Amino acid sequence: MNHLKNSDSMLKLASFTGTIDYPLMNDYMFRSVMQSNENVLKGLLCSLLRLDPNNVQTVQILNPIELGKKISDKEFILDIKVLMNDNTAINLEMQINNQYNWPERSLVYLSRLFDGLNAGESYRAVKPAFQIGILNFTPFPGHPEFFSTYKMMNIKNYYKYSDKFTIHVLDLTQIHLADREDKNYDLDKWAKLFRALTWEDFKMISEGNKSMQEAGETLFTLNEDDRIRDLCEAREDYRRTWEGVKQEMDELRSSNEEKIAVIEKKDNLIASLEAQVAELQMRLQSD
């Protein structure tokens, strides 16, 4: 992975102004920035995994794509597979639209990542695997949380089964729930950076953080690339189409629920009237 170099003529982050055409929330832009700048990817992963950057020597993307090339069906899901320090497997994904399948989807991705033994290797040689979802929705509405971690454990005594199988979720809609540890690792700032829609906001959020500032410079460069812009726009079209379908489904569901409620109300009324008639009949019979 080559670090994206700034040319002498390139504008510095301090001079960028106005609306960001394709921010980090665009999943193709997110993929492009992370693949183009190793320092940015490393900074984000250290924040998510609570790591000291000095202890992270290498971050290698295992499934690079050719940036600017038309997305194939295989690449339509833009998850990033990373090998960190040659001993930790990570699957990183930005998910904007709620397709109501995140728990199952994340488990499938993590299971595929975890099953990485070569023939003849000991089971103990399996690498720790982390599935990290950056979501723009709350996967469990009844249990909102900014940053959550899930592991296998005994449901009676909560003893941890293994540290090698972990799911992390960063919910960009719940930044207000960030706790002290989240803020110590600047995770709340990263979340705000993803949601930043203007260069002024981006600069203010990234102030004092080198990897975030590099993210801004890389983001600016990629926004100037027509090939990248075309693919970002295609992803926006997909997002808008999905939102339209979701809205129609929600309206249909709401309409059906209203019809069911009316039918239940009528059924209850009929049952009440039938009970009253039965009671009157019993009285007449007794008379």
C-alpha atoms as a PDB file:
ATOM      1  CA  MET A   1       0.000   0.000   0.000  1.00  0.00           C
ATOM      2  CA  ASN A   2       1.554   3.280  -1.081  1.00  0.00           C
ATOM      3  CA  HIS A   3       1.176   6.388   1.024  1.00  0.00           C
ATOM      4  CA  LEU A   4      -0.491   9.120  -1.025  1.00  0.00           C
ATOM      5  CA  LYS A   5       2.119  11.895  -1.368  1.00  0.00           C
ATOM      6  CA  ASN A   6       1.249  15.592  -1.489  1.00  0.00           C
ATOM      7  CA  SER A   7       2.774  17.480  -4.408  1.00  0.00           C
ATOM      8  CA  ASP A   8       4.401  20.872  -3.806  1.00  0.00           C
ATOM      9  CA  SER A   9       1.472  22.533  -5.530  1.00  0.00           C
ATOM     10  CA  MET A  10      -1.218  20.750  -3.557  1.00  0.00           C
ATOM     11  CA  LEU A  11      -3.339  22.848  -1.250  1.00  0.00           C
ATOM     12  CA  LYS A  12      -2.865  22.199   2.466  1.00  0.00           C
ATOM     13  CA  LEU A  13      -5.758  21.223   4.711  1.00  0.00           C
ATOM     14  CA  ALA A  14      -5.803  24.699   6.249  1.00  0.00           C
ATOM     15  CA  SER A  15      -6.877  26.236   2.945  1.00  0.00           C
ATOM     16  CA  PHE A  16      -9.719  23.842   2.129  1.00  0.00           C
ATOM     17  CA  THR A  17     -13.149  25.490   2.352  1.00  0.00           C
ATOM     18  CA  GLY A  18     -16.774  24.769   1.542  1.00  0.00           C
ATOM     19  CA  THR A  19     -18.773  21.579   1.197  1.00  0.00           C
ATOM     20  CA  ILE A  20     -17.053  18.203   0.954  1.00  0.00           C
ATOM     21  CA  ASP A  21     -18.570  16.695  -2.175  1.00  0.00           C
ATOM     22  CA  TYR A  22     -17.906  13.103  -1.113  1.00  0.00           C
ATOM     23  CA  PRO A  23     -17.160  12.810   2.621  1.00  0.00           C
ATOM     24  CA  LEU A  24     -15.796   9.814   4.497  1.00  0.00           C
ATOM     25  CA  MET A  25     -19.364   8.597   5.052  1.00  0.00           C
ATOM     26  CA  ASN A  26     -19.464   7.574   1.400  1.00  0.00           C
ATOM     27  CA  ASP A  27     -18.336   3.953   1.580  1.00  0.00           C
ATOM     28  CA  TYR A  28     -16.360   4.072  -1.670  1.00  0.00           C
ATOM     29  CA  MET A  29     -14.558   7.214  -0.523  1.00  0.00           C
ATOM     30  CA  PHE A  30     -13.939   5.600   2.865  1.00  0.00           C
ATOM     31  CA  ARG A  31     -12.414   2.578   1.126  1.00  0.00           C
ATOM     32  CA  SER A  32     -10.337   4.810  -1.143  1.00  0.00           C
ATOM     33  CA  VAL A  33      -8.912   6.916   1.696  1.00  0.00           C
ATOM     34  CA  MET A  34      -8.041   3.889   3.844  1.00  0.00           C
ATOM     35  CA  GLN A  35      -6.382   2.098   0.945  1.00  0.00           C
ATOM     36  CA  SER A  36      -4.479   5.209  -0.181  1.00  0.00           C
ATOM     37  CA  ASN A  37      -3.022   6.257   3.156  1.00  0.00           C
ATOM     38  CA  GLU A  38      -1.541   3.705   5.539  1.00  0.00           C
ATOM     39  CA  ASN A  39      -1.107   6.276   8.325  1.00  0.00           C
ATOM     40  CA  VAL A  40      -4.823   7.050   8.288  1.00  0.00           C
ATOM     41  CA  LEU A  41      -5.777   3.362   8.394  1.00  0.00           C
ATOM     42  CA  LYS A  42      -3.335   2.765  11.237  1.00  0.00           C
ATOM     43  CA  GLY A  43      -4.614   5.781  13.189  1.00  0.00           C
ATOM     44  CA  LEU A  44      -8.232   4.678  12.860  1.00  0.00           C
ATOM     45  CA  LEU A  45      -7.499   1.061  13.837  1.00  0.00           C
ATOM     46  CA  CYS A  46      -5.479   2.144  16.884  1.00  0.00           C
ATOM     47  CA  SER A  47      -8.389   4.284  18.008  1.00  0.00           C
ATOM     48  CA  LEU A  48     -10.931   1.500  17.469  1.00  0.00           C
ATOM     49  CA  LEU A  49      -8.826  -1.221  19.105  1.00  0.00           C
ATOM     50  CA  ARG A  50      -7.389   0.967  21.910  1.00  0.00           C
ATOM     51  CA  LEU A  51      -3.811   0.446  20.774  1.00  0.00           C
ATOM     52  CA  ASP A  52      -0.637   2.462  21.138  1.00  0.00           C
ATOM     53  CA  PRO A  53       0.461   3.399  17.583  1.00  0.00           C
ATOM     54  CA  ASN A  54       4.046   2.583  18.555  1.00  0.00           C
ATOM     55  CA  ASN A  55       3.008  -1.057  18.964  1.00  0.00           C
ATOM     56  CA  VAL A  56       1.571  -1.281  15.449  1.00  0.00           C
ATOM     57  CA  GLN A  57       4.376  -1.883  12.983  1.00  0.00           C
ATOM     58  CA  THR A  58       2.446  -2.947   9.878  1.00  0.00           C
ATOM     59  CA  VAL A  59      -1.092  -2.776   8.505  1.00  0.00           C
ATOM     60  CA  GLN A  60      -1.522  -4.668   5.247  1.00  0.00           C
ATOM     61  CA  ILE A  61      -4.730  -4.618   3.187  1.00  0.00           C
ATOM     62  CA  LEU A  62      -5.315  -8.173   1.956  1.00  0.00           C
ATOM     63  CA  ASN A  63      -8.067  -7.365  -0.567  1.00  0.00           C
ATOM     64  CA  PRO A  64      -6.982  -4.170  -2.352  1.00  0.00           C
ATOM     65  CA  ILE A  65      -9.089  -2.929  -5.254  1.00  0.00           C
ATOM     66  CA  GLU A  66      -8.023  -0.879  -8.249  1.00  0.00           C
ATOM     67  CA  LEU A  67      -9.237   2.571  -7.278  1.00  0.00           C
ATOM     68  CA  GLY A  68     -11.217   4.299  -9.999  1.00  0.00           C
ATOM     69  CA  LYS A  69     -12.071   1.058 -11.763  1.00  0.00           C
ATOM     70  CA  LYS A  70     -15.711   0.026 -12.138  1.00  0.00           C
ATOM     71  CA  ILE A  71     -16.873  -1.990  -9.130  1.00  0.00           C
ATOM     72  CA  SER A  72     -17.530  -5.651  -9.843  1.00  0.00           C
ATOM     73  CA  ASP A  73     -20.280  -7.671  -8.172  1.00  0.00           C
ATOM     74  CA  LYS A  74     -17.612  -9.315  -6.019  1.00  0.00           C
ATOM     75  CA  GLU A  75     -16.370  -5.930  -4.797  1.00  0.00           C
ATOM     76  CA  PHE A  76     -19.794  -4.335  -4.327  1.00  0.00           C
ATOM     77  CA  ILE A  77     -19.521  -4.891  -0.575  1.00  0.00           C
ATOM     78  CA  LEU A  78     -16.533  -2.714   0.222  1.00  0.00           C
ATOM     79  CA  ASP A  79     -15.223  -4.366   3.377  1.00  0.00           C
ATOM     80  CA  ILE A  80     -11.492  -4.007   4.017  1.00  0.00           C
ATOM     81  CA  LYS A  81      -9.528  -7.058   5.142  1.00  0.00           C
ATOM     82  CA  VAL A  82      -6.415  -6.058   7.093  1.00  0.00           C
ATOM     83  CA  LEU A  83      -3.524  -8.033   8.547  1.00  0.00           C
ATOM     84  CA  MET A  84      -1.969  -6.101  11.437  1.00  0.00           C
ATOM     85  CA  ASN A  85       1.559  -6.894  12.691  1.00  0.00           C
ATOM     86  CA  ASP A  86       1.332 -10.150  10.707  1.00  0.00           C
ATOM     87  CA  ASN A  87      -0.674 -11.764  13.513  1.00  0.00           C
ATOM     88  CA  THR A  88      -4.115 -10.133  13.737  1.00  0.00           C
ATOM     89  CA  ALA A  89      -6.862 -10.338  11.102  1.00  0.00           C
ATOM     90  CA  ILE A  90      -9.335  -7.453  10.879  1.00  0.00           C
ATOM     91  CA  ASN A  91     -12.413  -6.916   8.719  1.00  0.00           C
ATOM     92  CA  LEU A  92     -13.389  -3.240   8.575  1.00  0.00           C
ATOM     93  CA  GLU A  93     -16.618  -2.072   6.968  1.00  0.00           C
ATOM     94  CA  MET A  94     -18.587   1.139   6.627  1.00  0.00           C
ATOM     95  CA  GLN A  95     -22.338   0.390   6.537  1.00  0.00           C
ATOM     96  CA  ILE A  96     -24.649   3.357   5.926  1.00  0.00           C
ATOM     97  CA  ASN A  97     -27.968   1.694   5.069  1.00  0.00           C
ATOM     98  CA  ASN A  98     -29.708  -0.451   7.650  1.00  0.00           C
ATOM     99  CA  GLN A  99     -30.557  -3.669   5.833  1.00  0.00           C
ATOM    100  CA  TYR A 100     -31.764  -5.251   9.103  1.00  0.00           C
ATOM    101  CA  ASN A 101     -29.247  -8.090   8.902  1.00  0.00           C
ATOM    102  CA  TRP A 102     -26.164  -6.669  10.616  1.00  0.00           C
ATOM    103  CA  PRO A 103     -25.841  -9.275  13.440  1.00  0.00           C
ATOM    104  CA  GLU A 104     -25.954 -12.167  10.976  1.00  0.00           C
ATOM    105  CA  ARG A 105     -23.815 -10.404   8.383  1.00  0.00           C
ATOM    106  CA  SER A 106     -21.096  -9.500  10.865  1.00  0.00           C
ATOM    107  CA  LEU A 107     -20.972 -13.074  12.161  1.00  0.00           C
ATOM    108  CA  VAL A 108     -20.557 -14.460   8.648  1.00  0.00           C
ATOM    109  CA  TYR A 109     -17.723 -12.026   7.893  1.00  0.00           C
ATOM    110  CA  LEU A 110     -15.970 -12.744  11.172  1.00  0.00           C
ATOM    111  CA  SER A 111     -16.288 -16.507  10.727  1.00  0.00           C
ATOM    112  CA  ARG A 112     -14.742 -16.326   7.265  1.00  0.00           C
ATOM    113  CA  LEU A 113     -11.909 -14.194   8.595  1.00  0.00           C
ATOM    114  CA  PHE A 114     -11.279 -16.461  11.580  1.00  0.00           C
ATOM    115  CA  ASP A 115     -11.005 -19.625   9.504  1.00  0.00           C
ATOM    116  CA  GLY A 116      -7.512 -18.841   8.248  1.00  0.00           C
ATOM    117  CA  LEU A 117      -5.403 -21.865   9.149  1.00  0.00           C
ATOM    118  CA  ASN A 118      -3.157 -23.382   6.507  1.00  0.00           C
ATOM    119  CA  ALA A 119      -2.878 -27.126   6.042  1.00  0.00           C
ATOM    120  CA  GLY A 120      -0.824 -28.696   8.812  1.00  0.00           C
ATOM    121  CA  GLU A 121      -1.007 -25.718  11.181  1.00  0.00           C
ATOM    122  CA  SER A 122      -1.975 -26.176  14.817  1.00  0.00           C
ATOM    123  CA  TYR A 123      -5.339 -24.823  15.971  1.00  0.00           C
ATOM    124  CA  ARG A 124      -3.437 -22.689  18.462  1.00  0.00           C
ATOM    125  CA  ALA A 125      -1.866 -20.867  15.523  1.00  0.00           C
ATOM    126  CA  VAL A 126      -5.184 -19.305  14.477  1.00  0.00           C
ATOM    127  CA  LYS A 127      -4.924 -15.511  14.378  1.00  0.00           C
ATOM    128  CA  PRO A 128      -7.125 -13.250  16.518  1.00  0.00           C
ATOM    129  CA  ALA A 129      -9.940 -11.951  14.318  1.00  0.00           C
ATOM    130  CA  PHE A 130     -11.857  -8.691  14.665  1.00  0.00           C
ATOM    131  CA  GLN A 131     -14.973  -7.668  12.764  1.00  0.00           C
ATOM    132  CA  ILE A 132     -15.393  -3.874  12.982  1.00  0.00           C
ATOM    133  CA  GLY A 133     -18.578  -2.270  11.714  1.00  0.00           C
ATOM    134  CA  ILE A 134     -18.850   1.505  11.345  1.00  0.00           C
ATOM    135  CA  LEU A 135     -22.609   1.961  11.141  1.00  0.00           C
ATOM    136  CA  ASN A 136     -24.899   4.909  10.527  1.00  0.00           C
ATOM    137  CA  PHE A 137     -27.730   3.212  12.391  1.00  0.00           C
ATOM    138  CA  THR A 138     -28.318   1.519  15.729  1.00  0.00           C
ATOM    139  CA  PRO A 139     -28.296  -2.290  15.292  1.00  0.00           C
ATOM    140  CA  PHE A 140     -30.167  -2.883  18.575  1.00  0.00           C
ATOM    141  CA  PRO A 141     -32.528   0.106  19.091  1.00  0.00           C
ATOM    142  CA  GLY A 142     -33.427  -1.054  22.578  1.00  0.00           C
ATOM    143  CA  HIS A 143     -29.753  -0.977  23.590  1.00  0.00           C
ATOM    144  CA  PRO A 144     -28.130   2.097  22.009  1.00  0.00           C
ATOM    145  CA  GLU A 145     -24.375   2.411  22.462  1.00  0.00           C
ATOM    146  CA  PHE A 146     -21.656   4.464  20.780  1.00  0.00           C
ATOM    147  CA  PHE A 147     -18.948   1.791  20.761  1.00  0.00           C
ATOM    148  CA  SER A 148     -19.739  -1.784  21.692  1.00  0.00           C
ATOM    149  CA  THR A 149     -17.703  -4.978  21.886  1.00  0.00           C
ATOM    150  CA  TYR A 150     -19.048  -8.525  21.650  1.00  0.00           C
ATOM    151  CA  LYS A 151     -17.204 -11.713  22.597  1.00  0.00           C
ATOM    152  CA  MET A 152     -18.093 -15.337  23.253  1.00  0.00           C
ATOM    153  CA  MET A 153     -18.628 -16.024  26.954  1.00  0.00           C
ATOM    154  CA  ASN A 154     -20.356 -18.311  29.431  1.00  0.00           C
ATOM    155  CA  ILE A 155     -23.881 -16.980  29.975  1.00  0.00           C
ATOM    156  CA  LYS A 156     -23.939 -18.162  33.611  1.00  0.00           C
ATOM    157  CA  ASN A 157     -20.682 -16.852  35.027  1.00  0.00           C
ATOM    158  CA  TYR A 158     -19.629 -14.523  32.135  1.00  0.00           C
ATOM    159  CA  TYR A 159     -16.266 -16.266  31.790  1.00  0.00           C
ATOM    160  CA  LYS A 160     -14.721 -15.288  28.462  1.00  0.00           C
ATOM    161  CA  TYR A 161     -14.436 -18.219  26.060  1.00  0.00           C
ATOM    162  CA  SER A 162     -11.758 -16.645  23.844  1.00  0.00           C
ATOM    163  CA  ASP A 163     -10.137 -13.324  23.004  1.00  0.00           C
ATOM    164  CA  LYS A 164      -9.630 -14.408  19.403  1.00  0.00           C
ATOM    165  CA  PHE A 165     -13.184 -13.868  18.141  1.00  0.00           C
ATOM    166  CA  THR A 166     -14.464 -10.309  18.564  1.00  0.00           C
ATOM    167  CA  ILE A 167     -17.038  -7.990  17.013  1.00  0.00           C
ATOM    168  CA  HIS A 168     -16.826  -4.217  17.467  1.00  0.00           C
ATOM    169  CA  VAL A 169     -19.556  -1.782  16.439  1.00  0.00           C
ATOM    170  CA  LEU A 170     -19.130   1.983  16.121  1.00  0.00           C
ATOM    171  CA  ASP A 171     -22.543   3.666  15.895  1.00  0.00           C
ATOM    172  CA  LEU A 172     -22.181   7.072  14.233  1.00  0.00           C
ATOM    173  CA  THR A 173     -25.682   8.073  15.347  1.00  0.00           C
ATOM    174  CA  GLN A 174     -24.820   7.742  19.059  1.00  0.00           C
ATOM    175  CA  ILE A 175     -21.745   9.968  19.430  1.00  0.00           C
ATOM    176  CA  HIS A 176     -23.341  11.627  22.478  1.00  0.00           C
ATOM    177  CA  LEU A 177     -22.978   8.294  24.313  1.00  0.00           C
ATOM    178  CA  ALA A 178     -19.167   8.225  23.953  1.00  0.00           C
ATOM    179  CA  ASP A 179     -17.554   7.444  27.316  1.00  0.00           C
ATOM    180  CA  ARG A 180     -14.243   8.593  28.780  1.00  0.00           C
ATOM    181  CA  GLU A 181     -12.220   5.769  27.192  1.00  0.00           C
ATOM    182  CA  ASP A 182     -13.754   6.467  23.775  1.00  0.00           C
ATOM    183  CA  LYS A 183     -12.687  10.099  24.093  1.00  0.00           C
ATOM    184  CA  ASN A 184      -9.216   9.199  25.389  1.00  0.00           C
ATOM    185  CA  TYR A 185      -8.617   7.376  22.107  1.00  0.00           C
ATOM    186  CA  ASP A 186     -10.273  10.135  20.004  1.00  0.00           C
ATOM    187  CA  LEU A 187     -12.928   7.707  18.802  1.00  0.00           C
ATOM    188  CA  ASP A 188     -15.613  10.384  19.163  1.00  0.00           C
ATOM    189  CA  LYS A 189     -13.525  12.649  16.917  1.00  0.00           C
ATOM    190  CA  TRP A 190     -13.178   9.953  14.278  1.00  0.00           C
ATOM    191  CA  ALA A 191     -16.958   9.482  14.347  1.00  0.00           C
ATOM    192  CA  LYS A 192     -17.498  13.232  13.941  1.00  0.00           C
ATOM    193  CA  LEU A 193     -14.954  13.239  11.124  1.00  0.00           C
ATOM    194  CA  PHE A 194     -16.977  10.627   9.228  1.00  0.00           C
ATOM    195  CA  ARG A 195     -20.056  12.821   9.530  1.00  0.00           C
ATOM    196  CA  ALA A 196     -18.290  16.096   8.655  1.00  0.00           C
ATOM    197  CA  LEU A 197     -19.846  17.657   5.543  1.00  0.00           C
ATOM    198  CA  THR A 198     -17.706  20.804   5.276  1.00  0.00           C
ATOM    199  CA  TRP A 199     -13.955  21.367   5.240  1.00  0.00           C
ATOM    200  CA  GLU A 200     -14.339  23.885   8.047  1.00  0.00           C
ATOM    201  CA  ASP A 201     -15.839  21.204  10.324  1.00  0.00           C
ATOM    202  CA  PHE A 202     -13.247  18.670   9.191  1.00  0.00           C
ATOM    203  CA  LYS A 203     -10.376  21.021  10.058  1.00  0.00           C
ATOM    204  CA  MET A 204     -11.822  21.876  13.455  1.00  0.00           C
ATOM    205  CA  ILE A 205     -12.345  18.206  14.393  1.00  0.00           C
ATOM    206  CA  SER A 206      -8.935  17.024  13.151  1.00  0.00           C
ATOM    207  CA  GLU A 207      -6.922  19.799  14.789  1.00  0.00           C
ATOM    208  CA  GLY A 208      -3.903  18.368  16.609  1.00  0.00           C
ATOM    209  CA  ASN A 209      -4.316  14.828  15.228  1.00  0.00           C
ATOM    210  CA  LYS A 210      -1.801  14.019  12.484  1.00  0.00           C
ATOM    211  CA  SER A 211      -3.546  10.927  11.068  1.00  0.00           C
ATOM    212  CA  MET A 212      -6.869  12.795  10.893  1.00  0.00           C
ATOM    213  CA  GLN A 213      -5.215  15.716   9.128  1.00  0.00           C
ATOM    214  CA  GLU A 214      -3.644  13.305   6.655  1.00  0.00           C
ATOM    215  CA  ALA A 215      -7.113  11.857   6.153  1.00  0.00           C
ATOM    216  CA  GLY A 216      -8.272  15.346   5.169  1.00  0.00           C
ATOM    217  CA  GLU A 217      -5.452  15.840   2.668  1.00  0.00           C
ATOM    218  CA  THR A 218      -6.059  12.411   1.146  1.00  0.00           C
ATOM    219  CA  LEU A 219      -9.807  13.025   1.055  1.00  0.00           C
ATOM    220  CA  PHE A 220      -9.264  16.309  -0.783  1.00  0.00           C
ATOM    221  CA  THR A 221      -6.990  14.680  -3.377  1.00  0.00           C
ATOM    222  CA  LEU A 222      -9.437  11.844  -4.036  1.00  0.00           C
ATOM    223  CA  ASN A 223     -12.341  14.294  -4.340  1.00  0.00           C
ATOM    224  CA  GLU A 224     -10.409  15.884  -7.216  1.00  0.00           C
ATOM    225  CA  ASP A 225     -10.134  12.571  -9.099  1.00  0.00           C
ATOM    226  CA  ASP A 226     -12.959  12.239 -11.650  1.00  0.00           C
ATOM    227  CA  ARG A 227     -12.760   8.433 -11.663  1.00  0.00           C
ATOM    228  CA  ILE A 228     -13.163   8.299  -7.885  1.00  0.00           C
ATOM    229  CA  ARG A 229     -15.959  10.883  -7.990  1.00  0.00           C
ATOM    230  CA  ASP A 230     -17.928   8.840 -10.544  1.00  0.00           C
ATOM    231  CA  LEU A 231     -17.815   5.745  -8.347  1.00  0.00           C
ATOM    232  CA  CYS A 232     -18.679   7.742  -5.231  1.00  0.00           C
ATOM    233  CA  GLU A 233     -21.713   9.113  -7.070  1.00  0.00           C
ATOM    234  CA  ALA A 234     -22.708   5.578  -8.055  1.00  0.00           C
ATOM    235  CA  ARG A 235     -22.604   4.598  -4.399  1.00  0.00           C
ATOM    236  CA  GLU A 236     -24.724   7.632  -3.539  1.00  0.00           C
ATOM    237  CA  ASP A 237     -27.264   6.556  -6.173  1.00  0.00           C
ATOM    238  CA  TYR A 238     -27.345   3.096  -4.626  1.00  0.00           C
ATOM    239  CA  ARG A 239     -27.821   4.577  -1.148  1.00  0.00           C
ATOM    240  CA  ARG A 240     -30.655   6.838  -2.307  1.00  0.00           C
ATOM    241  CA  THR A 241     -32.345   3.944  -4.116  1.00  0.00           C
ATOM    242  CA  TRP A 242     -32.111   1.770  -1.005  1.00  0.00           C
ATOM    243  CA  GLU A 243     -33.503   4.579   1.156  1.00  0.00           C
ATOM    244  CA  GLY A 244     -36.436   4.897  -1.242  1.00  0.00           C
ATOM    245  CA  VAL A 245     -37.124   1.167  -1.103  1.00  0.00           C
ATOM    246  CA  LYS A 246     -36.801   1.210   2.689  1.00  0.00           C
ATOM    247  CA  GLN A 247     -39.254   4.113   2.956  1.00  0.00           C
ATOM    248  CA  GLU A 248     -41.790   2.303   0.765  1.00  0.00           C
ATOM    249  CA  MET A 249     -41.364  -0.850   2.864  1.00  0.00           C
ATOM    250  CA  ASP A 250     -41.835   1.141   6.081  1.00  0.00           C
ATOM    251  CA  GLU A 251     -44.958   2.817   4.691  1.00  0.00           C
ATOM    252  CA  LEU A 252     -46.357  -0.524   3.558  1.00  0.00           C
ATOM    253  CA  ARG A 253     -45.547  -2.050   6.944  1.00  0.00           C
ATOM    254  CA  SER A 254     -47.214   0.883   8.699  1.00  0.00           C
ATOM    255  CA  SER A 255     -50.264   0.596   6.451  1.00  0.00           C
ATOM    256  CA  ASN A 256     -50.522  -3.135   7.113  1.00  0.00           C
ATOM    257  CA  GLU A 257     -50.142  -2.567  10.851  1.00  0.00           C
ATOM    258  CA  GLU A 258     -52.961  -0.007  10.755  1.00  0.00           C
ATOM    259  CA  LYS A 259     -55.180  -2.439   8.835  1.00  0.00           C
ATOM    260  CA  ILE A 260     -54.369  -5.209  11.312  1.00  0.00           C
ATOM    261  CA  ALA A 261     -55.155  -2.864  14.203  1.00  0.00           C
ATOM    262  CA  VAL A 262     -58.545  -1.996  12.648  1.00  0.00           C
ATOM    263  CA  ILE A 263     -59.324  -5.678  12.083  1.00  0.00           C
ATOM    264  CA  GLU A 264     -58.329  -6.527  15.661  1.00  0.00           C
ATOM    265  CA  LYS A 265     -60.499  -3.689  16.949  1.00  0.00           C
ATOM    266  CA  LYS A 266     -63.460  -4.985  14.919  1.00  0.00           C
ATOM    267  CA  ASP A 267     -62.808  -8.554  16.097  1.00  0.00           C
ATOM    268  CA  ASN A 268     -62.706  -7.381  19.722  1.00  0.00           C
ATOM    269  CA  LEU A 269     -65.948  -5.434  19.226  1.00  0.00           C
ATOM    270  CA  ILE A 270     -67.634  -8.444  17.625  1.00  0.00           C
ATOM    271  CA  ALA A 271     -66.399 -10.702  20.444  1.00  0.00           C
ATOM    272  CA  SER A 272     -67.746  -8.220  23.006  1.00  0.00           C
ATOM    273  CA  LEU A 273     -71.132  -8.058  21.272  1.00  0.00           C
ATOM    274  CA  GLU A 274     -71.286 -11.841  20.992  1.00  0.00           C
ATOM    275  CA  ALA A 275     -70.558 -12.125  24.719  1.00  0.00           C
ATOM    276  CA  GLN A 276     -73.333  -9.645  25.500  1.00  0.00           C
ATOM    277  CA  VAL A 277     -75.775 -11.555  23.261  1.00  0.00           C
ATOM    278  CA  ALA A 278     -74.816 -14.828  24.922  1.00  0.00           C
ATOM    279  CA  GLU A 279     -75.369 -13.302  28.353  1.00  0.00           C
ATOM    280  CA  LEU A 280     -78.802 -12.000  27.321  1.00  0.00           C
ATOM    281  CA  GLN A 281     -79.720 -15.413  25.932  1.00  0.00           C
ATOM    282  CA  MET A 282     -78.746 -17.037  29.217  1.00  0.00           C
ATOM    283  CA  ARG A 283     -80.891 -14.582  31.115  1.00  0.00           C
ATOM    284  CA  LEU A 284     -83.875 -15.204  28.823  1.00  0.00           C
ATOM    285  CA  GLN A 285     -83.462 -18.961  29.224  1.00  0.00           C
ATOM    286  CA  SER A 286     -83.291 -18.648  32.988  1.00  0.00           C
ATOM    287  CA  ASP A 287     -86.414 -16.507  33.038  1.00  0.00           C
END
